[in-house]
Amino acid sequence: MKRLEPVKRLPVLVFLTLVISLGIAGYALFQFAIVKHSRGEYFYLVTRELEFEFPKNWSVFTQEFSNESGEVYYIAVYPPATHKRWVSILFVVYDERFTEFYMERHGLANTSQALLFEAERTYNDIKRRNEHVTMNLTERGTLNISGVEATYLLITFRDGYVDNDGDLHNLTVMFLSWTQGTSQGEKTYYLIFYGVEEEWSQLHIQRIFEHLLNTLKMSGSKDGDG
């Protein structure tokens, strides 16, 4: 069976490639959000898969990949960044066919196993670029997201990011995942909140992430756009 190439690598590094190659598309979507969904200091974004609020000075783009194995849908939101410091929030949605393909291909039984698999895959990809990186699992548990229980892992990749000047930074990543049943099977949702540790841990960034979680809904779970 043919692979869905964009997801054979970890979502974190896929995001960096998408930001570079799809920046123009992201800007266009950002402008659409200004016109259609302004809410005080936030924009309310409605996509095919998810709805949520994000700050007005952040950018957003969506992208879809598909083949006979199924469809994968990306949504990325991120603030202005420098070459040294950055933080981003990435959603990855597997449709019912790709969820089945992904779980069977990697021998995974549930989202907890899938998160551990993705964390290990992230570590291995970073290690190819920096052999001195180490991975530390600092927290694991569950969260309620839009009425659904999500599993999460909080991980620090020490010396996981090298900036353009060659300086090393710790990379902090929160992986979350949950599934939702549909008439065709189950969809799998990933939320990856990540960035260099000194940026990720700032109070205003944490509050933005909490606000996004509090406004997050699976599209179609309510009428209208609020």
N, C-alpha and C. Protein backbone atom coordinates (compact mmCIF):
# COMPACT_ATOMS: atom_id res chain seq x y z
N MET A 1 0.84 -1.19 0.00
CA MET A 1 0.00 0.00 0.00
C MET A 1 0.88 1.25 0.00
N LYS A 2 0.51 2.22 -0.81
CA LYS A 2 1.29 3.44 -0.93
C LYS A 2 1.27 4.25 0.36
N ARG A 3 2.43 4.79 0.75
CA ARG A 3 2.50 5.61 1.95
C ARG A 3 1.98 7.01 1.70
N LEU A 4 1.48 7.63 2.74
CA LEU A 4 1.16 9.05 2.69
C LEU A 4 2.42 9.78 3.13
N GLU A 5 3.25 10.21 2.18
CA GLU A 5 4.60 10.65 2.47
C GLU A 5 4.71 11.75 3.52
N PRO A 6 3.85 12.80 3.52
CA PRO A 6 4.06 13.88 4.48
C PRO A 6 3.96 13.47 5.93
N VAL A 7 3.37 12.31 6.26
CA VAL A 7 3.25 11.95 7.66
C VAL A 7 4.18 10.83 8.08
N LYS A 8 5.11 10.45 7.23
CA LYS A 8 6.05 9.43 7.67
C LYS A 8 7.10 10.04 8.59
N ARG A 9 7.21 11.38 8.60
CA ARG A 9 8.05 12.08 9.55
C ARG A 9 7.19 12.67 10.65
N LEU A 10 7.83 13.14 11.69
CA LEU A 10 7.10 13.64 12.83
C LEU A 10 6.39 14.94 12.52
N PRO A 11 5.24 15.19 13.16
CA PRO A 11 4.51 16.44 12.91
C PRO A 11 5.33 17.69 13.21
N VAL A 12 6.19 17.69 14.23
CA VAL A 12 6.94 18.89 14.59
C VAL A 12 7.80 19.37 13.44
N LEU A 13 8.57 18.49 12.83
CA LEU A 13 9.45 18.90 11.75
C LEU A 13 8.69 19.13 10.46
N VAL A 14 7.59 18.41 10.25
CA VAL A 14 6.73 18.69 9.10
C VAL A 14 6.26 20.14 9.15
N PHE A 15 5.92 20.62 10.32
CA PHE A 15 5.43 21.98 10.47
C PHE A 15 6.43 23.00 9.93
N LEU A 16 7.70 22.84 10.26
CA LEU A 16 8.71 23.81 9.83
C LEU A 16 8.77 23.88 8.31
N THR A 17 8.66 22.72 7.65
CA THR A 17 8.66 22.70 6.19
C THR A 17 7.43 23.39 5.64
N LEU A 18 6.28 23.14 6.25
CA LEU A 18 5.04 23.74 5.76
C LEU A 18 5.04 25.25 5.92
N VAL A 19 5.60 25.76 7.02
CA VAL A 19 5.65 27.21 7.23
C VAL A 19 6.42 27.88 6.11
N ILE A 20 7.54 27.28 5.72
CA ILE A 20 8.37 27.87 4.67
C ILE A 20 7.68 27.80 3.32
N SER A 21 7.13 26.63 2.99
CA SER A 21 6.59 26.42 1.65
C SER A 21 5.19 26.97 1.45
N LEU A 22 4.44 27.15 2.56
CA LEU A 22 3.04 27.55 2.43
C LEU A 22 2.75 28.87 3.12
N GLY A 23 3.77 29.68 3.34
CA GLY A 23 3.58 30.95 4.02
C GLY A 23 2.58 31.86 3.33
N ILE A 24 2.60 31.88 2.00
CA ILE A 24 1.68 32.75 1.26
C ILE A 24 0.25 32.30 1.47
N ALA A 25 0.01 30.99 1.39
CA ALA A 25 -1.34 30.46 1.61
C ALA A 25 -1.80 30.77 3.02
N GLY A 26 -0.89 30.66 3.99
CA GLY A 26 -1.23 30.97 5.36
C GLY A 26 -1.63 32.41 5.53
N TYR A 27 -0.93 33.32 4.85
CA TYR A 27 -1.26 34.73 4.94
C TYR A 27 -2.65 35.00 4.38
N ALA A 28 -2.99 34.33 3.27
CA ALA A 28 -4.31 34.52 2.68
C ALA A 28 -5.40 34.08 3.63
N LEU A 29 -5.22 32.93 4.30
CA LEU A 29 -6.20 32.44 5.25
C LEU A 29 -6.31 33.38 6.43
N PHE A 30 -5.16 33.93 6.86
CA PHE A 30 -5.13 34.88 7.96
C PHE A 30 -5.99 36.10 7.63
N GLN A 31 -5.88 36.63 6.41
CA GLN A 31 -6.67 37.79 6.01
C GLN A 31 -8.16 37.45 5.98
N PHE A 32 -8.51 36.26 5.54
CA PHE A 32 -9.91 35.84 5.54
C PHE A 32 -10.47 35.83 6.94
N ALA A 33 -9.66 35.38 7.90
CA ALA A 33 -10.10 35.33 9.29
C ALA A 33 -10.37 36.72 9.82
N ILE A 34 -9.56 37.71 9.42
CA ILE A 34 -9.78 39.09 9.87
C ILE A 34 -11.16 39.57 9.48
N VAL A 35 -11.54 39.29 8.24
CA VAL A 35 -12.80 39.79 7.72
C VAL A 35 -14.00 39.07 8.32
N LYS A 36 -13.89 37.75 8.51
CA LYS A 36 -15.05 36.94 8.83
C LYS A 36 -15.24 36.64 10.31
N HIS A 37 -14.20 36.57 11.09
CA HIS A 37 -14.34 36.01 12.43
C HIS A 37 -13.58 36.78 13.50
N SER A 38 -13.66 38.11 13.47
CA SER A 38 -12.97 38.91 14.48
C SER A 38 -13.76 38.89 15.78
N ARG A 39 -13.07 38.62 16.91
CA ARG A 39 -13.70 38.58 18.24
C ARG A 39 -12.81 39.28 19.25
N GLY A 40 -12.93 40.60 19.34
CA GLY A 40 -12.11 41.34 20.29
C GLY A 40 -10.64 41.20 19.98
N GLU A 41 -9.88 40.64 20.92
CA GLU A 41 -8.44 40.46 20.73
C GLU A 41 -8.10 39.18 19.98
N TYR A 42 -9.12 38.42 19.60
CA TYR A 42 -8.91 37.12 18.97
C TYR A 42 -9.63 37.03 17.63
N PHE A 43 -9.19 36.07 16.83
CA PHE A 43 -9.94 35.61 15.67
C PHE A 43 -10.58 34.28 16.02
N TYR A 44 -11.79 34.06 15.49
CA TYR A 44 -12.43 32.77 15.64
C TYR A 44 -12.34 32.06 14.30
N LEU A 45 -11.56 30.99 14.27
CA LEU A 45 -11.31 30.27 13.04
C LEU A 45 -12.22 29.06 12.94
N VAL A 46 -12.90 28.91 11.81
CA VAL A 46 -13.73 27.74 11.53
C VAL A 46 -13.13 27.03 10.32
N THR A 47 -12.64 25.82 10.53
CA THR A 47 -12.12 25.02 9.44
C THR A 47 -13.02 23.80 9.24
N ARG A 48 -12.68 23.00 8.28
CA ARG A 48 -13.44 21.79 8.01
C ARG A 48 -13.45 20.85 9.20
N GLU A 49 -12.37 20.87 10.01
CA GLU A 49 -12.22 19.90 11.09
C GLU A 49 -12.36 20.47 12.48
N LEU A 50 -11.86 21.69 12.72
CA LEU A 50 -11.80 22.25 14.07
C LEU A 50 -12.15 23.73 14.06
N GLU A 51 -12.59 24.21 15.22
CA GLU A 51 -12.88 25.62 15.42
C GLU A 51 -12.22 26.06 16.72
N PHE A 52 -11.65 27.26 16.73
CA PHE A 52 -11.02 27.77 17.95
C PHE A 52 -10.67 29.24 17.77
N GLU A 53 -10.35 29.89 18.88
CA GLU A 53 -9.90 31.28 18.87
C GLU A 53 -8.39 31.33 19.03
N PHE A 54 -7.76 32.28 18.30
CA PHE A 54 -6.32 32.49 18.43
C PHE A 54 -6.04 33.99 18.34
N PRO A 55 -4.90 34.47 18.88
CA PRO A 55 -4.63 35.91 18.95
C PRO A 55 -4.53 36.56 17.58
N LYS A 56 -4.89 37.84 17.53
CA LYS A 56 -4.91 38.56 16.26
C LYS A 56 -3.52 38.76 15.66
N ASN A 57 -2.49 38.75 16.48
CA ASN A 57 -1.14 38.93 15.92
C ASN A 57 -0.47 37.61 15.56
N TRP A 58 -1.21 36.51 15.66
CA TRP A 58 -0.68 35.21 15.23
C TRP A 58 -1.13 34.92 13.80
N SER A 59 -0.43 34.00 13.15
CA SER A 59 -0.78 33.57 11.80
C SER A 59 -1.31 32.14 11.83
N VAL A 60 -1.98 31.76 10.74
CA VAL A 60 -2.57 30.43 10.67
C VAL A 60 -2.57 29.95 9.23
N PHE A 61 -2.39 28.65 9.02
CA PHE A 61 -2.64 28.08 7.71
C PHE A 61 -3.16 26.66 7.87
N THR A 62 -3.80 26.18 6.82
CA THR A 62 -4.26 24.79 6.79
C THR A 62 -3.72 24.13 5.53
N GLN A 63 -3.58 22.82 5.59
CA GLN A 63 -3.12 22.06 4.43
C GLN A 63 -3.63 20.63 4.55
N GLU A 64 -3.93 20.04 3.41
CA GLU A 64 -4.45 18.68 3.38
C GLU A 64 -3.60 17.80 2.46
N PHE A 65 -3.35 16.56 2.90
CA PHE A 65 -2.67 15.57 2.07
C PHE A 65 -3.57 14.33 2.01
N SER A 66 -3.62 13.69 0.85
CA SER A 66 -4.46 12.50 0.74
C SER A 66 -3.91 11.55 -0.32
N ASN A 67 -4.23 10.29 -0.14
CA ASN A 67 -4.03 9.25 -1.14
C ASN A 67 -4.97 8.11 -0.80
N GLU A 68 -4.73 6.92 -1.36
CA GLU A 68 -5.67 5.82 -1.11
C GLU A 68 -5.68 5.35 0.33
N SER A 69 -4.66 5.74 1.12
CA SER A 69 -4.63 5.35 2.54
C SER A 69 -5.54 6.22 3.39
N GLY A 70 -5.92 7.40 2.89
CA GLY A 70 -6.78 8.28 3.65
C GLY A 70 -6.34 9.73 3.53
N GLU A 71 -6.88 10.57 4.41
CA GLU A 71 -6.60 12.00 4.39
C GLU A 71 -6.01 12.45 5.73
N VAL A 72 -5.06 13.39 5.65
CA VAL A 72 -4.48 14.02 6.83
C VAL A 72 -4.62 15.52 6.66
N TYR A 73 -5.14 16.17 7.70
CA TYR A 73 -5.45 17.60 7.64
C TYR A 73 -4.63 18.32 8.69
N TYR A 74 -3.89 19.36 8.27
CA TYR A 74 -3.05 20.14 9.18
C TYR A 74 -3.64 21.53 9.41
N ILE A 75 -3.55 21.99 10.65
CA ILE A 75 -3.82 23.39 10.99
C ILE A 75 -2.67 23.85 11.87
N ALA A 76 -2.01 24.93 11.50
CA ALA A 76 -0.90 25.45 12.29
C ALA A 76 -1.17 26.90 12.66
N VAL A 77 -0.93 27.26 13.90
CA VAL A 77 -1.03 28.65 14.35
C VAL A 77 0.25 28.99 15.08
N TYR A 78 0.74 30.22 14.87
CA TYR A 78 2.04 30.58 15.42
C TYR A 78 2.19 32.10 15.46
N PRO A 79 2.92 32.61 16.44
CA PRO A 79 3.16 34.05 16.55
C PRO A 79 4.35 34.47 15.70
N PRO A 80 4.58 35.79 15.57
CA PRO A 80 5.82 36.23 14.93
C PRO A 80 7.01 35.63 15.68
N ALA A 81 8.01 35.17 14.94
CA ALA A 81 9.14 34.49 15.56
C ALA A 81 10.46 35.06 15.07
N THR A 82 11.50 34.86 15.83
CA THR A 82 12.84 35.20 15.40
C THR A 82 13.57 33.91 15.07
N HIS A 83 14.79 34.03 14.59
CA HIS A 83 15.55 32.83 14.25
C HIS A 83 16.02 32.11 15.49
N LYS A 84 15.93 32.74 16.67
CA LYS A 84 16.36 32.11 17.91
C LYS A 84 15.20 31.54 18.72
N ARG A 85 14.06 32.22 18.68
CA ARG A 85 12.98 31.85 19.59
C ARG A 85 11.69 31.69 18.81
N TRP A 86 10.99 30.60 19.07
CA TRP A 86 9.71 30.39 18.41
C TRP A 86 8.87 29.40 19.20
N VAL A 87 7.57 29.49 18.98
CA VAL A 87 6.62 28.58 19.60
C VAL A 87 5.46 28.43 18.62
N SER A 88 4.84 27.26 18.59
CA SER A 88 3.77 27.01 17.63
C SER A 88 2.79 25.99 18.19
N ILE A 89 1.59 26.00 17.63
CA ILE A 89 0.56 25.01 17.95
C ILE A 89 0.13 24.37 16.63
N LEU A 90 0.20 23.06 16.59
CA LEU A 90 -0.12 22.33 15.38
C LEU A 90 -1.19 21.29 15.66
N PHE A 91 -2.19 21.25 14.79
CA PHE A 91 -3.21 20.19 14.82
C PHE A 91 -2.98 19.27 13.62
N VAL A 92 -3.13 17.99 13.86
CA VAL A 92 -3.08 17.00 12.77
C VAL A 92 -4.30 16.10 12.94
N VAL A 93 -5.12 16.00 11.90
CA VAL A 93 -6.34 15.19 11.96
C VAL A 93 -6.24 14.07 10.93
N TYR A 94 -6.36 12.84 11.41
CA TYR A 94 -6.40 11.68 10.53
C TYR A 94 -7.86 11.30 10.30
N ASP A 95 -8.26 11.14 9.04
CA ASP A 95 -9.62 10.69 8.79
C ASP A 95 -9.76 9.21 9.16
N GLU A 96 -10.96 8.68 8.99
CA GLU A 96 -11.24 7.33 9.46
C GLU A 96 -10.37 6.28 8.77
N ARG A 97 -10.18 6.43 7.47
CA ARG A 97 -9.36 5.46 6.74
C ARG A 97 -7.90 5.54 7.15
N PHE A 98 -7.39 6.77 7.29
CA PHE A 98 -5.98 6.88 7.66
C PHE A 98 -5.74 6.48 9.11
N THR A 99 -6.71 6.73 9.99
CA THR A 99 -6.59 6.25 11.37
C THR A 99 -6.40 4.75 11.40
N GLU A 100 -7.23 4.02 10.65
CA GLU A 100 -7.12 2.56 10.62
C GLU A 100 -5.78 2.13 10.03
N PHE A 101 -5.38 2.79 8.94
CA PHE A 101 -4.10 2.47 8.29
C PHE A 101 -2.93 2.73 9.23
N TYR A 102 -2.94 3.88 9.89
CA TYR A 102 -1.85 4.29 10.78
C TYR A 102 -1.72 3.34 11.98
N MET A 103 -2.83 3.02 12.61
CA MET A 103 -2.80 2.14 13.78
C MET A 103 -2.32 0.74 13.40
N GLU A 104 -2.82 0.22 12.30
CA GLU A 104 -2.43 -1.12 11.87
C GLU A 104 -0.96 -1.15 11.43
N ARG A 105 -0.54 -0.15 10.71
CA ARG A 105 0.83 -0.12 10.19
C ARG A 105 1.87 -0.13 11.31
N HIS A 106 1.57 0.59 12.40
CA HIS A 106 2.55 0.72 13.47
C HIS A 106 2.21 -0.14 14.69
N GLY A 107 1.18 -0.98 14.58
CA GLY A 107 0.84 -1.90 15.66
C GLY A 107 0.38 -1.19 16.92
N LEU A 108 -0.43 -0.13 16.76
CA LEU A 108 -0.88 0.69 17.89
C LEU A 108 -2.33 0.35 18.22
N ALA A 109 -2.63 0.27 19.53
CA ALA A 109 -3.98 -0.10 19.96
C ALA A 109 -4.81 1.09 20.40
N ASN A 110 -4.17 2.21 20.80
CA ASN A 110 -4.92 3.35 21.33
C ASN A 110 -4.07 4.62 21.23
N THR A 111 -4.65 5.74 21.63
CA THR A 111 -3.94 7.02 21.51
C THR A 111 -2.75 7.12 22.46
N SER A 112 -2.81 6.45 23.60
CA SER A 112 -1.66 6.48 24.51
C SER A 112 -0.43 5.87 23.85
N GLN A 113 -0.63 4.73 23.19
CA GLN A 113 0.48 4.12 22.47
C GLN A 113 0.93 4.98 21.30
N ALA A 114 -0.04 5.62 20.63
CA ALA A 114 0.30 6.47 19.49
C ALA A 114 1.15 7.66 19.92
N LEU A 115 0.83 8.26 21.07
CA LEU A 115 1.60 9.39 21.56
C LEU A 115 3.04 8.99 21.87
N LEU A 116 3.21 7.86 22.51
CA LEU A 116 4.57 7.38 22.81
C LEU A 116 5.33 7.11 21.51
N PHE A 117 4.64 6.56 20.52
CA PHE A 117 5.26 6.31 19.23
C PHE A 117 5.71 7.62 18.58
N GLU A 118 4.83 8.65 18.60
CA GLU A 118 5.18 9.93 17.99
C GLU A 118 6.30 10.63 18.75
N ALA A 119 6.30 10.52 20.08
CA ALA A 119 7.37 11.13 20.87
C ALA A 119 8.72 10.50 20.52
N GLU A 120 8.73 9.18 20.41
CA GLU A 120 9.97 8.48 20.07
C GLU A 120 10.41 8.83 18.65
N ARG A 121 9.45 8.95 17.75
CA ARG A 121 9.78 9.30 16.38
C ARG A 121 10.33 10.73 16.31
N THR A 122 9.77 11.62 17.12
CA THR A 122 10.29 12.98 17.20
C THR A 122 11.73 12.97 17.68
N TYR A 123 11.98 12.23 18.74
CA TYR A 123 13.33 12.14 19.30
C TYR A 123 14.32 11.62 18.26
N ASN A 124 13.94 10.57 17.55
CA ASN A 124 14.85 9.99 16.56
C ASN A 124 15.14 10.95 15.42
N ASP A 125 14.13 11.71 14.99
CA ASP A 125 14.37 12.67 13.91
C ASP A 125 15.29 13.81 14.38
N ILE A 126 15.06 14.30 15.59
CA ILE A 126 15.94 15.35 16.11
C ILE A 126 17.35 14.83 16.27
N LYS A 127 17.47 13.59 16.72
CA LYS A 127 18.79 13.01 16.96
C LYS A 127 19.60 12.88 15.67
N ARG A 128 18.93 12.73 14.54
CA ARG A 128 19.65 12.68 13.28
C ARG A 128 20.34 14.01 12.99
N ARG A 129 19.80 15.10 13.53
CA ARG A 129 20.37 16.43 13.32
C ARG A 129 21.28 16.85 14.46
N ASN A 130 21.05 16.29 15.65
CA ASN A 130 21.86 16.63 16.82
C ASN A 130 21.97 15.40 17.70
N GLU A 131 23.10 14.73 17.63
CA GLU A 131 23.26 13.45 18.33
C GLU A 131 23.32 13.61 19.84
N HIS A 132 23.46 14.84 20.34
CA HIS A 132 23.57 15.06 21.78
C HIS A 132 22.22 15.30 22.46
N VAL A 133 21.13 15.34 21.71
CA VAL A 133 19.82 15.59 22.29
C VAL A 133 19.42 14.44 23.22
N THR A 134 18.72 14.78 24.31
CA THR A 134 18.14 13.77 25.19
C THR A 134 16.66 14.07 25.38
N MET A 135 15.89 13.02 25.62
CA MET A 135 14.44 13.16 25.77
C MET A 135 14.04 12.86 27.21
N ASN A 136 13.27 13.77 27.83
CA ASN A 136 12.81 13.58 29.20
C ASN A 136 11.29 13.74 29.27
N LEU A 137 10.59 12.67 29.63
CA LEU A 137 9.16 12.73 29.84
C LEU A 137 8.90 13.30 31.23
N THR A 138 8.29 14.49 31.30
CA THR A 138 8.11 15.17 32.58
C THR A 138 6.69 15.06 33.13
N GLU A 139 5.72 14.74 32.27
CA GLU A 139 4.34 14.65 32.76
C GLU A 139 3.50 13.89 31.76
N ARG A 140 2.50 13.17 32.27
CA ARG A 140 1.53 12.51 31.41
C ARG A 140 0.19 12.48 32.13
N GLY A 141 -0.90 12.48 31.36
CA GLY A 141 -2.21 12.48 31.99
C GLY A 141 -3.30 12.64 30.95
N THR A 142 -4.46 13.15 31.38
CA THR A 142 -5.60 13.35 30.49
C THR A 142 -6.16 14.75 30.69
N LEU A 143 -6.78 15.27 29.64
CA LEU A 143 -7.46 16.55 29.66
C LEU A 143 -8.81 16.40 28.97
N ASN A 144 -9.77 17.24 29.36
CA ASN A 144 -11.06 17.27 28.69
C ASN A 144 -11.00 18.32 27.59
N ILE A 145 -11.20 17.90 26.35
CA ILE A 145 -11.20 18.81 25.21
C ILE A 145 -12.52 18.70 24.50
N SER A 146 -13.32 19.74 24.60
CA SER A 146 -14.62 19.78 23.92
C SER A 146 -15.47 18.56 24.26
N GLY A 147 -15.42 18.16 25.55
CA GLY A 147 -16.23 17.05 26.01
C GLY A 147 -15.64 15.68 25.75
N VAL A 148 -14.41 15.64 25.21
CA VAL A 148 -13.75 14.37 24.89
C VAL A 148 -12.49 14.26 25.73
N GLU A 149 -12.19 13.06 26.24
CA GLU A 149 -10.98 12.86 27.02
C GLU A 149 -9.78 12.69 26.10
N ALA A 150 -8.79 13.57 26.28
CA ALA A 150 -7.57 13.51 25.49
C ALA A 150 -6.42 13.06 26.38
N THR A 151 -5.55 12.26 25.83
CA THR A 151 -4.33 11.83 26.50
C THR A 151 -3.20 12.79 26.13
N TYR A 152 -2.32 13.10 27.11
CA TYR A 152 -1.22 14.00 26.78
C TYR A 152 0.09 13.54 27.40
N LEU A 153 1.17 13.95 26.76
CA LEU A 153 2.53 13.78 27.25
C LEU A 153 3.21 15.14 27.20
N LEU A 154 3.99 15.46 28.22
CA LEU A 154 4.80 16.67 28.23
C LEU A 154 6.26 16.23 28.23
N ILE A 155 7.00 16.65 27.22
CA ILE A 155 8.35 16.16 27.01
C ILE A 155 9.31 17.32 26.78
N THR A 156 10.50 17.23 27.36
CA THR A 156 11.58 18.16 27.08
C THR A 156 12.66 17.44 26.29
N PHE A 157 13.01 18.00 25.15
CA PHE A 157 14.14 17.52 24.38
C PHE A 157 15.31 18.45 24.67
N ARG A 158 16.19 18.03 25.53
CA ARG A 158 17.31 18.89 25.93
C ARG A 158 18.29 19.04 24.77
N ASP A 159 18.63 20.30 24.49
CA ASP A 159 19.46 20.63 23.32
C ASP A 159 18.79 20.15 22.04
N GLY A 160 17.46 20.26 22.00
CA GLY A 160 16.70 19.74 20.86
C GLY A 160 16.57 20.69 19.69
N TYR A 161 16.99 21.96 19.86
CA TYR A 161 16.85 22.92 18.77
C TYR A 161 18.13 23.71 18.64
N VAL A 162 18.64 23.81 17.42
CA VAL A 162 19.83 24.59 17.12
C VAL A 162 19.41 25.78 16.25
N ASP A 163 19.64 27.01 16.74
CA ASP A 163 19.23 28.17 15.96
C ASP A 163 20.25 28.48 14.88
N ASN A 164 19.98 29.54 14.11
CA ASN A 164 20.83 29.87 12.97
C ASN A 164 22.25 30.26 13.36
N ASP A 165 22.45 30.64 14.62
CA ASP A 165 23.78 30.99 15.10
C ASP A 165 24.51 29.79 15.69
N GLY A 166 23.85 28.64 15.68
CA GLY A 166 24.46 27.43 16.23
C GLY A 166 24.26 27.25 17.72
N ASP A 167 23.45 28.13 18.35
CA ASP A 167 23.19 28.01 19.79
C ASP A 167 22.14 26.94 20.05
N LEU A 168 22.33 26.18 21.13
CA LEU A 168 21.41 25.11 21.49
C LEU A 168 20.33 25.60 22.43
N HIS A 169 19.12 25.12 22.24
CA HIS A 169 17.98 25.44 23.09
C HIS A 169 17.25 24.15 23.43
N ASN A 170 16.68 24.10 24.64
CA ASN A 170 15.79 23.00 24.97
C ASN A 170 14.48 23.18 24.23
N LEU A 171 13.93 22.09 23.76
CA LEU A 171 12.65 22.10 23.04
C LEU A 171 11.60 21.43 23.93
N THR A 172 10.53 22.16 24.24
CA THR A 172 9.45 21.61 25.05
C THR A 172 8.26 21.29 24.16
N VAL A 173 7.71 20.10 24.31
CA VAL A 173 6.60 19.67 23.46
C VAL A 173 5.51 19.03 24.32
N MET A 174 4.28 19.50 24.15
CA MET A 174 3.12 18.82 24.72
C MET A 174 2.38 18.14 23.57
N PHE A 175 2.34 16.81 23.62
CA PHE A 175 1.60 16.02 22.65
C PHE A 175 0.24 15.67 23.26
N LEU A 176 -0.84 15.95 22.56
CA LEU A 176 -2.17 15.53 22.98
C LEU A 176 -2.82 14.75 21.84
N SER A 177 -3.66 13.78 22.20
CA SER A 177 -4.37 13.04 21.18
C SER A 177 -5.70 12.54 21.72
N TRP A 178 -6.68 12.48 20.83
CA TRP A 178 -7.98 11.91 21.18
C TRP A 178 -8.63 11.40 19.90
N THR A 179 -9.64 10.56 20.05
CA THR A 179 -10.38 10.04 18.91
C THR A 179 -11.85 10.41 19.05
N GLN A 180 -12.53 10.42 17.90
CA GLN A 180 -13.97 10.67 17.90
C GLN A 180 -14.62 9.74 16.90
N GLY A 181 -15.62 9.02 17.36
CA GLY A 181 -16.33 8.09 16.49
C GLY A 181 -17.21 8.81 15.49
N THR A 182 -17.28 8.29 14.28
CA THR A 182 -18.16 8.80 13.23
C THR A 182 -18.90 7.62 12.62
N SER A 183 -19.75 7.89 11.66
CA SER A 183 -20.48 6.82 11.00
C SER A 183 -19.56 5.95 10.14
N GLN A 184 -18.34 6.48 9.82
CA GLN A 184 -17.38 5.72 9.01
C GLN A 184 -16.29 5.04 9.83
N GLY A 185 -16.28 5.29 11.15
CA GLY A 185 -15.23 4.71 11.98
C GLY A 185 -14.78 5.70 13.05
N GLU A 186 -13.47 5.90 13.17
CA GLU A 186 -12.92 6.83 14.15
C GLU A 186 -11.93 7.77 13.49
N LYS A 187 -12.02 9.06 13.86
CA LYS A 187 -11.00 10.03 13.49
C LYS A 187 -10.03 10.18 14.65
N THR A 188 -8.78 10.44 14.32
CA THR A 188 -7.76 10.69 15.33
C THR A 188 -7.30 12.14 15.24
N TYR A 189 -7.24 12.80 16.39
CA TYR A 189 -6.81 14.19 16.46
C TYR A 189 -5.52 14.28 17.27
N TYR A 190 -4.55 15.01 16.73
CA TYR A 190 -3.34 15.34 17.47
C TYR A 190 -3.27 16.85 17.66
N LEU A 191 -2.82 17.26 18.82
CA LEU A 191 -2.52 18.66 19.08
C LEU A 191 -1.09 18.68 19.62
N ILE A 192 -0.21 19.43 18.96
CA ILE A 192 1.19 19.51 19.38
C ILE A 192 1.51 20.96 19.69
N PHE A 193 1.79 21.25 20.94
CA PHE A 193 2.12 22.60 21.41
C PHE A 193 3.61 22.59 21.76
N TYR A 194 4.42 23.31 21.01
CA TYR A 194 5.85 23.14 21.15
C TYR A 194 6.61 24.43 20.86
N GLY A 195 7.84 24.48 21.33
CA GLY A 195 8.71 25.61 21.07
C GLY A 195 9.94 25.57 21.94
N VAL A 196 10.83 26.53 21.74
CA VAL A 196 12.00 26.60 22.60
C VAL A 196 11.52 26.90 24.02
N GLU A 197 12.17 26.29 24.99
CA GLU A 197 11.67 26.29 26.36
C GLU A 197 11.45 27.70 26.92
N GLU A 198 12.38 28.62 26.64
CA GLU A 198 12.26 29.96 27.21
C GLU A 198 11.07 30.73 26.65
N GLU A 199 10.62 30.36 25.46
CA GLU A 199 9.42 30.98 24.88
C GLU A 199 8.16 30.23 25.31
N TRP A 200 8.20 28.90 25.20
CA TRP A 200 7.06 28.04 25.51
C TRP A 200 6.56 28.28 26.93
N SER A 201 7.44 28.49 27.88
CA SER A 201 7.08 28.58 29.29
C SER A 201 6.61 29.96 29.73
N GLN A 202 6.64 30.94 28.85
CA GLN A 202 6.20 32.28 29.25
C GLN A 202 4.72 32.27 29.60
N LEU A 203 4.34 33.06 30.61
CA LEU A 203 2.97 33.04 31.12
C LEU A 203 1.97 33.42 30.04
N HIS A 204 2.26 34.44 29.24
CA HIS A 204 1.28 34.86 28.24
C HIS A 204 1.10 33.80 27.15
N ILE A 205 2.14 33.02 26.85
CA ILE A 205 2.00 31.93 25.89
C ILE A 205 1.15 30.82 26.47
N GLN A 206 1.35 30.50 27.74
CA GLN A 206 0.54 29.48 28.40
C GLN A 206 -0.93 29.89 28.45
N ARG A 207 -1.20 31.17 28.68
CA ARG A 207 -2.58 31.65 28.72
C ARG A 207 -3.24 31.58 27.35
N ILE A 208 -2.48 31.89 26.31
CA ILE A 208 -3.00 31.77 24.95
C ILE A 208 -3.37 30.32 24.65
N PHE A 209 -2.50 29.40 25.03
CA PHE A 209 -2.78 27.99 24.80
C PHE A 209 -4.03 27.55 25.56
N GLU A 210 -4.16 27.97 26.81
CA GLU A 210 -5.35 27.63 27.59
C GLU A 210 -6.61 28.20 26.95
N HIS A 211 -6.53 29.44 26.43
CA HIS A 211 -7.69 30.04 25.78
C HIS A 211 -8.07 29.25 24.53
N LEU A 212 -7.07 28.84 23.76
CA LEU A 212 -7.35 28.04 22.57
C LEU A 212 -8.04 26.74 22.95
N LEU A 213 -7.54 26.07 24.00
CA LEU A 213 -8.17 24.82 24.43
C LEU A 213 -9.61 25.04 24.88
N ASN A 214 -9.84 26.15 25.59
CA ASN A 214 -11.17 26.43 26.12
C ASN A 214 -12.19 26.75 25.02
N THR A 215 -11.72 27.20 23.87
CA THR A 215 -12.63 27.54 22.77
C THR A 215 -12.64 26.47 21.67
N LEU A 216 -11.84 25.44 21.83
CA LEU A 216 -11.70 24.43 20.80
C LEU A 216 -12.94 23.54 20.69
N LYS A 217 -13.39 23.34 19.46
CA LYS A 217 -14.52 22.45 19.18
C LYS A 217 -14.23 21.70 17.90
N MET A 218 -14.72 20.48 17.82
CA MET A 218 -14.70 19.77 16.56
C MET A 218 -15.77 20.37 15.66
N SER A 219 -15.43 20.71 14.43
CA SER A 219 -16.38 21.34 13.52
C SER A 219 -17.59 20.43 13.32
N GLY A 220 -18.75 21.06 13.31
CA GLY A 220 -19.99 20.30 13.17
C GLY A 220 -20.61 19.93 14.50
N SER A 221 -19.92 20.26 15.63
CA SER A 221 -20.45 19.90 16.95
C SER A 221 -21.49 20.90 17.44
N LYS A 222 -21.62 22.02 16.70
CA LYS A 222 -22.64 23.00 17.06
C LYS A 222 -23.07 23.72 15.79
N ASP A 223 -24.18 24.45 15.87
CA ASP A 223 -24.68 25.19 14.73
C ASP A 223 -24.04 26.57 14.69
N GLY A 224 -23.74 27.00 13.47
CA GLY A 224 -23.21 28.34 13.30
C GLY A 224 -21.77 28.44 13.71
N ASP A 225 -21.21 29.66 13.66
CA ASP A 225 -19.82 29.87 14.01
C ASP A 225 -19.67 30.60 15.31
N GLY A 226 -20.75 30.77 16.08
CA GLY A 226 -20.67 31.39 17.38
C GLY A 226 -20.64 32.88 17.31
